[in-house]
Amino acid sequence: MALSLFTSDVALLKNIATELSACGCCARCTLRYLGLKDMYFYKGNLQEMEEMVKEYKHGTVKEDGKISPVPVNAEINGSKVEGDNTENSGDFDGVVNEDSKNVQVSDAELESGDKKSSVDIKEVENILKSDNDFTQTDECVEDVDVHSDQGESEASQRRTYILQGDRDSKTPPCVVCLGILQNFCSEKYLSKLKQHIEDEGFLYTVYMCSMMIPVCIILREYALMLHLKEKFSSVYGNKKYTDVAQIKDVWKWRCGPLLTEILGASFDAKSKFEITLTFQYEHSNKECSFLLDAEDNDTFRKRKQDRRYNRKKTTFAVYTRANVAKAAEQMPEEEFRRSYQCPPSEPRSYTKCDVKCQSENVFVAGRYNKYSRTLSQTPWLIDGVSKTESSVEELLEMEIHKNFRPSEIKFSSSGREDVDVLMLGNGRPFVLELVNPRRREFTQEQMTVMQEVLNASTKDIKCRDLQIVSKEDTDILKEGEIDKVKKYSALCWSKLPVTDEHLNTLSNIKDLTILQKTPIRVLHRRPLSTRARMIHQMIATRRDEHHFQLEMSTQAGTYVKEFVHSDFGRTKPNVSSLLSQECDILELDVNAVELDWPKKIDTVEECVT
């Protein structure tokens, strides 16, 4: 098969391949800088890539530039080449596998925090200029010796292997890709990656894979291209470092179809399960530091003058893919050569790979009833000590956590009731946000089973209409927080005997506006303010001479207890002032939260995830 390279001159190809190898390029990077962009030829394992490079270095390619791909397990120079996968790795049959598109790599680099914090550039300059004072950032990962502890668990050894890749202590990392295309492309590595994901407990049917590489690779690629321009100007005189196949693309072409096969899941750019490979080189920031001193470069000077970048920002956020590339391209070539070694020097350490799996958050909604007057809605902690045995939140989360296995659960509800208040009627709407769940696909029938198990586990609460909802649906929970109506039933006490006139006075009130200062009992967690609330309707019935039942319909956010006893006059008017005698509340029940959400579950339906 004829290859499209930067030159078809066999003698030149031999010299260039030899020079690239001498500079410290791995086989895949050598092929990249020869101009090879055909994904078909990058699907082989590292040994096959090295044999291809040998043919160029030995000048054994034909005059027309053609080369025969090396089949897996073929005899080469008298020795057998073992492929990563005897069925797939070297199966060059002339058909481009569409699965090569199955890994999407992100253009994001190791630049987290760009919009969240700021930086003192002068401080950064001093740190980065000191060879003996390297500030570790998120790029740096502690090196671990796999064999340092004989008792180390298999999972721990696997994590270390995932971090370090297929390292060969006798082979230094590539000067361009920093070992990414050497140590992290084998089928063995991808198989370990799958086991690592299984160790984390994730279940999925489709996946997305993204990858981030150190920003200093831009400088290394640029430096190597300058070196080739100087030595082989007839071939590289008009070339840019961006004209070669990108590292991310080569990794994708090689690993994409293998990863899909090994994981047993198909790639989907919209998948809610993502595998992120962050390649980390601890000296990346240091290699970029000379850009801060460029005489004719405004890329970083503007950042120095920007007052927003203060001492709170870390050095890690200074260098991004965009500004490093722009600074390198704007710098005169001679100045770049004086500031940065061309070709790039051998890496000072191995690149490591931090693998993180993230499943998009799941939202589980429902309604709950509370039948205990000693159960708080959320954990009630004082000085780290729980004041109640449990809470509505904890009881609701128990069965959900067991099945979805999230990293964290966040509870929200349509209002809240006090510890001594019952939640009756059709219940209070709530939502549980499940952060990074290990499993996310459940049918409505399965959700109903979880609801039944939850309800059977306690008599303090009951749950209904348990279902998975979209993030957008949860907005309804917060909409109309003030406008929705709530119905209460209060057992009240009066100092003087209750008369029919008293009962009629309360029952005839419609749409009464009251002003409530923040109650004393909640001042420790709510700001002091005066809020207007509406009492829509009341019906009072006598229980005995000094007790009466008050059924009321109010605007959401009304403090009912304070409306009855006045909270030392902080709520006006109040039941005490309306009856011209001292009144108090003994028991309070919430009978209804009039919010038509989430939908009522009558039949078994498929739950959308």
Foldseek 3Di string as FASTA:
>chain_A
DAFDFLDLALVVLLVQLVVLVVQFAQLVVSCLNRQGDDLLQLQAASVQSVVVSVCSNVSVADSRRDDDRDQAQDQDPNDGHHTLDNVGRRPRPPDQDPLLPQADADQWALAPPQPPAFAQVVVLLVQLVDPVRQDFDPLDDDQDDLPPDVPDDPLRSLQNCQFFFQDDPVRFAGLQQLCCSPGQQGLVSLLSVLVNLVVVQADDAEEYEYEHEQLLSLVLLQLQLVLCCVVPVVRSVPPGSVSGHDPVSSSSSHCRVSNCVSNVHTYDPPAQKYKYKHKGARCRLSLLSVLCVQPPDCLCVVSNVDPRRDHGDDSSNSDTNVSSNVSVVPGPPVVSVVSAPRNHDGRPDHITIDIDMFGHKWKKKWFKWFDALQAFQAFDDDPRDTPGPYHVVRLVVPLVCVPQVAPDKDKDWLDGDGSRATEAARGTMIMIIGGRTSDDFDFLVVQVVSQVVSCVVDPGMHIFPIAIDDPVQCVLSVPQSQPWKWKKKFKKFFPFFDDPVLQVLQQPDAFDKKKAWPAPVCVVPDPTDIDIWTWGGWGWADPDGTIIMIITMIGRPDDQQCLAQVNVVRMPPHSCVSSVGGMGTDYMYTHDGPRCDDDHDDDTGTGDD
